[in-house]
């Protein structure tokens, strides 16, 4: 599943081609994806100017005066900005046709999702969609730090990796980046969240910020199904130190990395470097 850096990479790729353009038409080739697509997408979005492309957690929002189209890429979804008239291929479920803007070249924002685990929903002006309610702070914001993690973790017996992936604690830290941040901070993913000190949580928060920022800079992690808006894959996967490397030598000490399922998600860690 695309994680926060992939979604942010998508947002940054789309924004220059979409912001300021007016929606001409909306073509829905299916009435649903993960959930039914609301009628407002078809009825209210055409004619509106897209004022901004925002990201909240792993969701993208196309903001207009009439409301916001809310998109999630699911496990295999992608958004591409293509020339108008580009032939439709399998799993191209949604087209948002845009005017020419200043360039005069008409484009289409196309949502492709083979597994249909993504979504296209609607958020009326001045409201927060129920999927976005109760979310924790953005990991790259000032609201997220070690003190925040320490305060929320007191009394928690769940593994720290599960705690870090809780979207009510902090948004967008999925399996890949949680494993990498814990490795970088030297914290075992099995340790109870309530047994991690404030100092170590400060180190962990710092590593989450560093790794996510670097992954965004490098274009996100190349997952099998993910393609960025310009068609280029990300490059961060080549530099993963722990995720997906169970049984391989630890890059630091050379011991074999252990691998197990934590909260039904596979994770790898070093029993020597991570305590």
C-alpha atoms as a PDB file:
ATOM      1  CA  UNK A   1       0.000   0.000   0.000  1.00  0.00           C
ATOM      2  CA  UNK A   2       1.376   3.458  -0.847  1.00  0.00           C
ATOM      3  CA  UNK A   3       2.529   5.145   2.357  1.00  0.00           C
ATOM      4  CA  UNK A   4       2.778   8.820   3.243  1.00  0.00           C
ATOM      5  CA  UNK A   5       5.878   9.585   1.120  1.00  0.00           C
ATOM      6  CA  UNK A   6       4.249   8.023  -1.949  1.00  0.00           C
ATOM      7  CA  UNK A   7       1.065  10.031  -1.388  1.00  0.00           C
ATOM      8  CA  UNK A   8       3.033  13.230  -0.809  1.00  0.00           C
ATOM      9  CA  UNK A   9       5.059  12.511  -3.941  1.00  0.00           C
ATOM     10  CA  UNK A  10       1.773  12.159  -5.817  1.00  0.00           C
ATOM     11  CA  UNK A  11       0.480  15.442  -4.370  1.00  0.00           C
ATOM     12  CA  UNK A  12       3.617  17.320  -5.360  1.00  0.00           C
ATOM     13  CA  UNK A  13       3.526  15.792  -8.826  1.00  0.00           C
ATOM     14  CA  UNK A  14      -0.119  16.686  -9.400  1.00  0.00           C
ATOM     15  CA  UNK A  15      -0.242  20.184  -7.944  1.00  0.00           C
ATOM     16  CA  UNK A  16       1.540  22.132 -10.729  1.00  0.00           C
ATOM     17  CA  UNK A  17      -0.677  20.517 -13.383  1.00  0.00           C
ATOM     18  CA  UNK A  18      -3.992  20.633 -11.538  1.00  0.00           C
ATOM     19  CA  UNK A  19      -4.140  23.687  -9.260  1.00  0.00           C
ATOM     20  CA  UNK A  20      -5.858  26.658 -10.878  1.00  0.00           C
ATOM     21  CA  UNK A  21      -7.493  24.559 -13.577  1.00  0.00           C
ATOM     22  CA  UNK A  22     -11.236  24.222 -13.956  1.00  0.00           C
ATOM     23  CA  UNK A  23     -12.970  20.850 -14.112  1.00  0.00           C
ATOM     24  CA  UNK A  24     -14.754  20.354 -17.429  1.00  0.00           C
ATOM     25  CA  UNK A  25     -16.307  16.939 -16.914  1.00  0.00           C
ATOM     26  CA  UNK A  26     -16.158  13.970 -14.547  1.00  0.00           C
ATOM     27  CA  UNK A  27     -16.369  10.469 -16.014  1.00  0.00           C
ATOM     28  CA  UNK A  28     -17.114   7.622 -13.610  1.00  0.00           C
ATOM     29  CA  UNK A  29     -16.700   4.263 -15.289  1.00  0.00           C
ATOM     30  CA  UNK A  30     -17.847   2.500 -12.138  1.00  0.00           C
ATOM     31  CA  UNK A  31     -20.366   3.619  -9.524  1.00  0.00           C
ATOM     32  CA  UNK A  32     -18.076   2.470  -6.744  1.00  0.00           C
ATOM     33  CA  UNK A  33     -14.540   1.691  -5.691  1.00  0.00           C
ATOM     34  CA  UNK A  34     -14.055   0.597  -2.097  1.00  0.00           C
ATOM     35  CA  UNK A  35     -17.271   2.503  -1.357  1.00  0.00           C
ATOM     36  CA  UNK A  36     -19.957   4.017  -3.608  1.00  0.00           C
ATOM     37  CA  UNK A  37     -18.821   7.260  -5.243  1.00  0.00           C
ATOM     38  CA  UNK A  38     -21.135  10.051  -3.990  1.00  0.00           C
ATOM     39  CA  UNK A  39     -23.341  11.853  -6.501  1.00  0.00           C
ATOM     40  CA  UNK A  40     -21.727  15.154  -5.474  1.00  0.00           C
ATOM     41  CA  UNK A  41     -18.531  14.150  -7.283  1.00  0.00           C
ATOM     42  CA  UNK A  42     -20.432  13.927 -10.573  1.00  0.00           C
ATOM     43  CA  UNK A  43     -22.905  16.758  -9.922  1.00  0.00           C
ATOM     44  CA  UNK A  44     -20.867  19.427  -8.091  1.00  0.00           C
ATOM     45  CA  UNK A  45     -17.276  19.019  -9.243  1.00  0.00           C
ATOM     46  CA  UNK A  46     -17.745  19.910 -12.948  1.00  0.00           C
ATOM     47  CA  UNK A  47     -17.332  23.638 -13.506  1.00  0.00           C
ATOM     48  CA  UNK A  48     -15.307  24.136 -10.334  1.00  0.00           C
ATOM     49  CA  UNK A  49     -11.744  25.431 -10.200  1.00  0.00           C
ATOM     50  CA  UNK A  50      -9.307  23.283  -8.238  1.00  0.00           C
ATOM     51  CA  UNK A  51      -7.811  25.773  -5.800  1.00  0.00           C
ATOM     52  CA  UNK A  52      -5.432  23.399  -4.029  1.00  0.00           C
ATOM     53  CA  UNK A  53      -4.272  19.788  -3.857  1.00  0.00           C
ATOM     54  CA  UNK A  54      -3.812  18.885  -0.196  1.00  0.00           C
ATOM     55  CA  UNK A  55      -2.769  15.789   1.710  1.00  0.00           C
ATOM     56  CA  UNK A  56      -4.111  14.674   5.078  1.00  0.00           C
ATOM     57  CA  UNK A  57      -2.545  11.427   6.276  1.00  0.00           C
ATOM     58  CA  UNK A  58      -2.711   9.168   3.210  1.00  0.00           C
ATOM     59  CA  UNK A  59      -5.681  10.992   1.677  1.00  0.00           C
ATOM     60  CA  UNK A  60      -5.557  13.570  -1.103  1.00  0.00           C
ATOM     61  CA  UNK A  61      -8.064  16.404  -1.292  1.00  0.00           C
ATOM     62  CA  UNK A  62      -8.896  18.458  -4.379  1.00  0.00           C
ATOM     63  CA  UNK A  63     -10.272  21.695  -2.911  1.00  0.00           C
ATOM     64  CA  UNK A  64     -12.927  23.748  -4.717  1.00  0.00           C
ATOM     65  CA  UNK A  65     -15.528  26.291  -3.624  1.00  0.00           C
ATOM     66  CA  UNK A  66     -18.206  23.580  -3.828  1.00  0.00           C
ATOM     67  CA  UNK A  67     -16.298  21.148  -1.626  1.00  0.00           C
ATOM     68  CA  UNK A  68     -13.384  18.744  -1.823  1.00  0.00           C
ATOM     69  CA  UNK A  69     -12.956  15.499  -3.698  1.00  0.00           C
ATOM     70  CA  UNK A  70     -11.344  13.072  -1.237  1.00  0.00           C
ATOM     71  CA  UNK A  71      -9.155  10.350  -2.711  1.00  0.00           C
ATOM     72  CA  UNK A  72      -7.261   7.396  -1.311  1.00  0.00           C
ATOM     73  CA  UNK A  73      -4.982   5.298  -3.500  1.00  0.00           C
ATOM     74  CA  UNK A  74      -5.770   2.068  -1.663  1.00  0.00           C
ATOM     75  CA  UNK A  75      -3.302  -0.763  -2.280  1.00  0.00           C
ATOM     76  CA  UNK A  76      -2.664  -0.294  -5.977  1.00  0.00           C
ATOM     77  CA  UNK A  77      -4.172   3.005  -7.088  1.00  0.00           C
ATOM     78  CA  UNK A  78      -2.417   5.721  -9.054  1.00  0.00           C
ATOM     79  CA  UNK A  79      -3.283   9.222 -10.270  1.00  0.00           C
ATOM     80  CA  UNK A  80      -1.815  10.465 -13.528  1.00  0.00           C
ATOM     81  CA  UNK A  81      -2.156  13.750 -15.410  1.00  0.00           C
ATOM     82  CA  UNK A  82      -2.460  12.821 -19.077  1.00  0.00           C
ATOM     83  CA  UNK A  83      -3.184  14.636 -22.347  1.00  0.00           C
ATOM     84  CA  UNK A  84      -6.895  14.785 -23.147  1.00  0.00           C
ATOM     85  CA  UNK A  85      -7.831  11.933 -25.435  1.00  0.00           C
ATOM     86  CA  UNK A  86      -5.322   9.462 -23.999  1.00  0.00           C
ATOM     87  CA  UNK A  87      -6.827   5.992 -24.630  1.00  0.00           C
ATOM     88  CA  UNK A  88      -8.473   4.372 -21.634  1.00  0.00           C
ATOM     89  CA  UNK A  89      -6.885   1.189 -20.323  1.00  0.00           C
ATOM     90  CA  UNK A  90      -8.082  -1.512 -17.946  1.00  0.00           C
ATOM     91  CA  UNK A  91      -8.886  -0.276 -14.429  1.00  0.00           C
ATOM     92  CA  UNK A  92      -9.060   3.414 -15.450  1.00  0.00           C
ATOM     93  CA  UNK A  93     -12.120   4.029 -13.304  1.00  0.00           C
ATOM     94  CA  UNK A  94     -12.303   7.840 -13.073  1.00  0.00           C
ATOM     95  CA  UNK A  95     -11.408  10.723 -15.383  1.00  0.00           C
ATOM     96  CA  UNK A  96     -11.508  14.345 -14.212  1.00  0.00           C
ATOM     97  CA  UNK A  97     -11.138  16.397 -17.400  1.00  0.00           C
ATOM     98  CA  UNK A  98      -9.477  19.788 -16.925  1.00  0.00           C
ATOM     99  CA  UNK A  99      -9.450  22.940 -19.022  1.00  0.00           C
ATOM    100  CA  UNK A 100      -6.307  24.220 -20.633  1.00  0.00           C
ATOM    101  CA  UNK A 101      -5.403  26.735 -17.946  1.00  0.00           C
ATOM    102  CA  UNK A 102      -2.676  29.147 -18.981  1.00  0.00           C
ATOM    103  CA  UNK A 103      -1.021  26.614 -21.273  1.00  0.00           C
ATOM    104  CA  UNK A 104      -4.123  26.010 -23.382  1.00  0.00           C
ATOM    105  CA  UNK A 105      -3.409  22.269 -23.303  1.00  0.00           C
ATOM    106  CA  UNK A 106      -6.301  20.224 -21.980  1.00  0.00           C
ATOM    107  CA  UNK A 107      -5.456  17.438 -19.562  1.00  0.00           C
ATOM    108  CA  UNK A 108      -7.241  14.663 -17.729  1.00  0.00           C
ATOM    109  CA  UNK A 109      -6.601  13.533 -14.152  1.00  0.00           C
ATOM    110  CA  UNK A 110      -7.018   9.761 -14.335  1.00  0.00           C
ATOM    111  CA  UNK A 111      -7.503   7.404 -11.383  1.00  0.00           C
ATOM    112  CA  UNK A 112      -6.457   3.813 -12.059  1.00  0.00           C
ATOM    113  CA  UNK A 113      -7.021   1.171  -9.372  1.00  0.00           C
ATOM    114  CA  UNK A 114      -6.770  -2.529 -10.315  1.00  0.00           C
ATOM    115  CA  UNK A 115      -7.804  -3.839  -6.891  1.00  0.00           C
ATOM    116  CA  UNK A 116     -10.451  -1.158  -6.233  1.00  0.00           C
ATOM    117  CA  UNK A 117      -9.382  -0.670  -2.600  1.00  0.00           C
ATOM    118  CA  UNK A 118      -9.036   3.063  -3.182  1.00  0.00           C
ATOM    119  CA  UNK A 119     -11.849   5.556  -2.803  1.00  0.00           C
ATOM    120  CA  UNK A 120     -13.287   8.760  -4.227  1.00  0.00           C
ATOM    121  CA  UNK A 121     -15.543  10.560  -1.759  1.00  0.00           C
ATOM    122  CA  UNK A 122     -16.815  14.098  -1.096  1.00  0.00           C
ATOM    123  CA  UNK A 123     -16.231  16.588   1.722  1.00  0.00           C
ATOM    124  CA  UNK A 124     -18.633  19.568   1.808  1.00  0.00           C
ATOM    125  CA  UNK A 125     -17.180  23.020   2.555  1.00  0.00           C
ATOM    126  CA  UNK A 126     -16.488  23.737   6.222  1.00  0.00           C
ATOM    127  CA  UNK A 127     -16.692  20.074   7.250  1.00  0.00           C
ATOM    128  CA  UNK A 128     -14.254  17.288   8.016  1.00  0.00           C
ATOM    129  CA  UNK A 129     -15.039  13.920   6.480  1.00  0.00           C
ATOM    130  CA  UNK A 130     -15.566  11.137   8.994  1.00  0.00           C
ATOM    131  CA  UNK A 131     -12.515   9.305   7.639  1.00  0.00           C
ATOM    132  CA  UNK A 132     -10.348  12.282   8.641  1.00  0.00           C
ATOM    133  CA  UNK A 133     -11.815  12.747  12.101  1.00  0.00           C
ATOM    134  CA  UNK A 134      -9.850  11.581  15.129  1.00  0.00           C
ATOM    135  CA  UNK A 135      -6.536  11.475  13.290  1.00  0.00           C
ATOM    136  CA  UNK A 136      -3.279  12.289  15.031  1.00  0.00           C
ATOM    137  CA  UNK A 137      -0.824  14.994  13.955  1.00  0.00           C
ATOM    138  CA  UNK A 138       1.142  14.951  10.720  1.00  0.00           C
ATOM    139  CA  UNK A 139       4.569  13.397  11.375  1.00  0.00           C
ATOM    140  CA  UNK A 140       6.451  16.255   9.703  1.00  0.00           C
ATOM    141  CA  UNK A 141       4.590  18.931  11.660  1.00  0.00           C
ATOM    142  CA  UNK A 142       5.706  20.666  14.867  1.00  0.00           C
ATOM    143  CA  UNK A 143       2.819  18.949  16.690  1.00  0.00           C
ATOM    144  CA  UNK A 144       4.597  15.617  16.402  1.00  0.00           C
ATOM    145  CA  UNK A 145       7.624  15.051  18.623  1.00  0.00           C
ATOM    146  CA  UNK A 146       9.001  12.724  21.274  1.00  0.00           C
ATOM    147  CA  UNK A 147       7.062  14.395  24.064  1.00  0.00           C
ATOM    148  CA  UNK A 148       3.824  13.723  22.160  1.00  0.00           C
ATOM    149  CA  UNK A 149       4.707  10.042  21.806  1.00  0.00           C
ATOM    150  CA  UNK A 150       5.788   9.740  25.429  1.00  0.00           C
ATOM    151  CA  UNK A 151       2.574  11.304  26.763  1.00  0.00           C
ATOM    152  CA  UNK A 152       0.297   9.047  24.697  1.00  0.00           C
ATOM    153  CA  UNK A 153       2.286   5.892  25.395  1.00  0.00           C
ATOM    154  CA  UNK A 154       2.011   5.844  29.199  1.00  0.00           C
ATOM    155  CA  UNK A 155       0.348   2.646  30.324  1.00  0.00           C
ATOM    156  CA  UNK A 156       0.296   1.170  26.822  1.00  0.00           C
ATOM    157  CA  UNK A 157       1.213  -2.520  26.733  1.00  0.00           C
ATOM    158  CA  UNK A 158       0.990  -2.915  22.970  1.00  0.00           C
ATOM    159  CA  UNK A 159       4.274  -3.210  21.033  1.00  0.00           C
ATOM    160  CA  UNK A 160       5.818   0.145  20.195  1.00  0.00           C
ATOM    161  CA  UNK A 161       5.614  -0.626  16.469  1.00  0.00           C
ATOM    162  CA  UNK A 162       1.843  -1.093  16.714  1.00  0.00           C
ATOM    163  CA  UNK A 163       1.628   2.112  18.758  1.00  0.00           C
ATOM    164  CA  UNK A 164       3.623   4.065  16.167  1.00  0.00           C
ATOM    165  CA  UNK A 165       1.335   2.858  13.372  1.00  0.00           C
ATOM    166  CA  UNK A 166      -1.832   3.925  15.236  1.00  0.00           C
ATOM    167  CA  UNK A 167      -3.345   6.723  13.120  1.00  0.00           C
ATOM    168  CA  UNK A 168      -4.778   8.339  16.258  1.00  0.00           C
ATOM    169  CA  UNK A 169      -1.202   8.714  17.551  1.00  0.00           C
ATOM    170  CA  UNK A 170       0.414   9.996  14.351  1.00  0.00           C
ATOM    171  CA  UNK A 171      -0.793   9.720  10.766  1.00  0.00           C
ATOM    172  CA  UNK A 172       0.911   8.157   7.817  1.00  0.00           C
ATOM    173  CA  UNK A 173       3.610   6.062   9.503  1.00  0.00           C
ATOM    174  CA  UNK A 174       2.966   2.688   7.901  1.00  0.00           C
ATOM    175  CA  UNK A 175       4.734  -0.636   8.109  1.00  0.00           C
ATOM    176  CA  UNK A 176       7.793   0.232   6.035  1.00  0.00           C
ATOM    177  CA  UNK A 177       8.683   3.502   7.695  1.00  0.00           C
ATOM    178  CA  UNK A 178       7.843   2.335  11.222  1.00  0.00           C
ATOM    179  CA  UNK A 179      10.289  -0.551  10.803  1.00  0.00           C
ATOM    180  CA  UNK A 180      12.983   1.743   9.418  1.00  0.00           C
ATOM    181  CA  UNK A 181      12.534   4.414  12.113  1.00  0.00           C
ATOM    182  CA  UNK A 182      12.665   1.858  14.937  1.00  0.00           C
ATOM    183  CA  UNK A 183      15.834   0.374  13.480  1.00  0.00           C
ATOM    184  CA  UNK A 184      17.448   3.795  13.170  1.00  0.00           C
ATOM    185  CA  UNK A 185      16.476   4.689  16.759  1.00  0.00           C
ATOM    186  CA  UNK A 186      17.694   1.330  18.125  1.00  0.00           C
ATOM    187  CA  UNK A 187      14.296   0.418  19.613  1.00  0.00           C
ATOM    188  CA  UNK A 188      12.951  -3.123  19.416  1.00  0.00           C
ATOM    189  CA  UNK A 189       9.534  -3.218  17.742  1.00  0.00           C
ATOM    190  CA  UNK A 190       8.479  -5.768  20.389  1.00  0.00           C
ATOM    191  CA  UNK A 191       9.067  -3.434  23.355  1.00  0.00           C
ATOM    192  CA  UNK A 192       5.870  -2.308  25.090  1.00  0.00           C
ATOM    193  CA  UNK A 193       5.068   1.273  24.124  1.00  0.00           C
ATOM    194  CA  UNK A 194       4.716   2.237  27.785  1.00  0.00           C
ATOM    195  CA  UNK A 195       8.255   1.026  28.535  1.00  0.00           C
ATOM    196  CA  UNK A 196      10.028   3.384  26.135  1.00  0.00           C
ATOM    197  CA  UNK A 197      11.607   6.408  27.800  1.00  0.00           C
ATOM    198  CA  UNK A 198      11.003  10.030  26.858  1.00  0.00           C
ATOM    199  CA  UNK A 199      14.585  10.326  25.596  1.00  0.00           C
ATOM    200  CA  UNK A 200      14.213   7.320  23.312  1.00  0.00           C
ATOM    201  CA  UNK A 201      10.863   8.602  22.017  1.00  0.00           C
ATOM    202  CA  UNK A 202      12.557  11.883  21.143  1.00  0.00           C
ATOM    203  CA  UNK A 203      15.118   9.909  19.148  1.00  0.00           C
ATOM    204  CA  UNK A 204      12.339   7.905  17.487  1.00  0.00           C
ATOM    205  CA  UNK A 205      10.331  10.993  16.514  1.00  0.00           C
ATOM    206  CA  UNK A 206      13.486  12.505  15.040  1.00  0.00           C
ATOM    207  CA  UNK A 207      14.136   9.403  12.965  1.00  0.00           C
ATOM    208  CA  UNK A 208      10.511   9.297  11.730  1.00  0.00           C
ATOM    209  CA  UNK A 209      10.853  12.890  10.519  1.00  0.00           C
ATOM    210  CA  UNK A 210      14.270  12.307   8.958  1.00  0.00           C
ATOM    211  CA  UNK A 211      13.344   9.107   7.145  1.00  0.00           C
ATOM    212  CA  UNK A 212       9.992  10.359   5.851  1.00  0.00           C
ATOM    213  CA  UNK A 213      11.507  13.630   4.634  1.00  0.00           C
ATOM    214  CA  UNK A 214      14.307  11.769   2.879  1.00  0.00           C
ATOM    215  CA  UNK A 215      11.893   9.269   1.319  1.00  0.00           C
ATOM    216  CA  UNK A 216       9.775  12.146  -0.020  1.00  0.00           C
ATOM    217  CA  UNK A 217      12.905  13.777  -1.433  1.00  0.00           C
ATOM    218  CA  UNK A 218      13.849  10.531  -3.173  1.00  0.00           C
ATOM    219  CA  UNK A 219      10.359  10.013  -4.587  1.00  0.00           C
ATOM    220  CA  UNK A 220       8.870   7.526  -2.153  1.00  0.00           C
ATOM    221  CA  UNK A 221       9.274   3.777  -1.915  1.00  0.00           C
ATOM    222  CA  UNK A 222       8.852   1.753  -5.072  1.00  0.00           C
ATOM    223  CA  UNK A 223       6.045  -0.698  -4.357  1.00  0.00           C
ATOM    224  CA  UNK A 224       5.047  -3.242  -6.954  1.00  0.00           C
ATOM    225  CA  UNK A 225       1.864  -1.404  -7.953  1.00  0.00           C
ATOM    226  CA  UNK A 226       2.835   2.207  -7.325  1.00  0.00           C
ATOM    227  CA  UNK A 227       3.637   4.636 -10.139  1.00  0.00           C
ATOM    228  CA  UNK A 228       4.203   8.325  -9.493  1.00  0.00           C
ATOM    229  CA  UNK A 229       2.348  10.934 -11.575  1.00  0.00           C
ATOM    230  CA  UNK A 230       5.203  11.407 -14.052  1.00  0.00           C
ATOM    231  CA  UNK A 231       5.514   7.664 -14.563  1.00  0.00           C
ATOM    232  CA  UNK A 232       8.800   7.385 -12.654  1.00  0.00           C
ATOM    233  CA  UNK A 233       9.086   4.996  -9.691  1.00  0.00           C
ATOM    234  CA  UNK A 234      10.541   6.057  -6.378  1.00  0.00           C
ATOM    235  CA  UNK A 235      14.050   5.119  -5.316  1.00  0.00           C
ATOM    236  CA  UNK A 236      13.988   4.816  -1.539  1.00  0.00           C
ATOM    237  CA  UNK A 237      13.397   1.056  -1.590  1.00  0.00           C
ATOM    238  CA  UNK A 238      17.022   0.536  -2.565  1.00  0.00           C
ATOM    239  CA  UNK A 239      18.141   2.007   0.772  1.00  0.00           C
ATOM    240  CA  UNK A 240      15.884   0.141   3.227  1.00  0.00           C
ATOM    241  CA  UNK A 241      17.957  -1.192   6.112  1.00  0.00           C
ATOM    242  CA  UNK A 242      15.454  -3.392   7.964  1.00  0.00           C
ATOM    243  CA  UNK A 243      12.086  -3.729   6.207  1.00  0.00           C
ATOM    244  CA  UNK A 244      11.845  -6.904   4.130  1.00  0.00           C
ATOM    245  CA  UNK A 245      15.355  -8.056   5.096  1.00  0.00           C
ATOM    246  CA  UNK A 246      14.562 -10.749   7.667  1.00  0.00           C
ATOM    247  CA  UNK A 247      17.374 -13.324   7.846  1.00  0.00           C
ATOM    248  CA  UNK A 248      19.902 -11.020   6.189  1.00  0.00           C
ATOM    249  CA  UNK A 249      22.904  -9.586   8.064  1.00  0.00           C
ATOM    250  CA  UNK A 250      22.275  -6.442  10.093  1.00  0.00           C
ATOM    251  CA  UNK A 251      23.894  -3.473   8.306  1.00  0.00           C
ATOM    252  CA  UNK A 252      25.396  -2.408  11.643  1.00  0.00           C
ATOM    253  CA  UNK A 253      26.520  -5.502  13.538  1.00  0.00           C
ATOM    254  CA  UNK A 254      26.205  -8.333  11.032  1.00  0.00           C
ATOM    255  CA  UNK A 255      23.824 -10.479  13.089  1.00  0.00           C
ATOM    256  CA  UNK A 256      20.918 -12.015  11.169  1.00  0.00           C
ATOM    257  CA  UNK A 257      17.829  -9.818  11.310  1.00  0.00           C
ATOM    258  CA  UNK A 258      14.859 -11.466  12.961  1.00  0.00           C
ATOM    259  CA  UNK A 259      11.440 -11.399  11.328  1.00  0.00           C
ATOM    260  CA  UNK A 260       7.970 -11.885  12.823  1.00  0.00           C
ATOM    261  CA  UNK A 261       4.400 -10.702  12.511  1.00  0.00           C
ATOM    262  CA  UNK A 262       3.501  -7.836  14.853  1.00  0.00           C
ATOM    263  CA  UNK A 263      -0.114  -6.742  14.714  1.00  0.00           C
ATOM    264  CA  UNK A 264      -0.524  -8.940  11.609  1.00  0.00           C
ATOM    265  CA  UNK A 265       2.223  -7.011   9.806  1.00  0.00           C
ATOM    266  CA  UNK A 266       5.590  -8.539   9.007  1.00  0.00           C
ATOM    267  CA  UNK A 267       8.526  -6.714  10.550  1.00  0.00           C
ATOM    268  CA  UNK A 268      12.269  -7.250  10.703  1.00  0.00           C
ATOM    269  CA  UNK A 269      14.673  -6.037  13.382  1.00  0.00           C
ATOM    270  CA  UNK A 270      18.100  -6.653  14.840  1.00  0.00           C
ATOM    271  CA  UNK A 271      18.077  -8.398  18.240  1.00  0.00           C
ATOM    272  CA  UNK A 272      21.484  -6.907  18.992  1.00  0.00           C
ATOM    273  CA  UNK A 273      21.090  -3.273  17.902  1.00  0.00           C
ATOM    274  CA  UNK A 274      17.425  -2.825  18.852  1.00  0.00           C
ATOM    275  CA  UNK A 275      16.501  -3.109  22.532  1.00  0.00           C
END
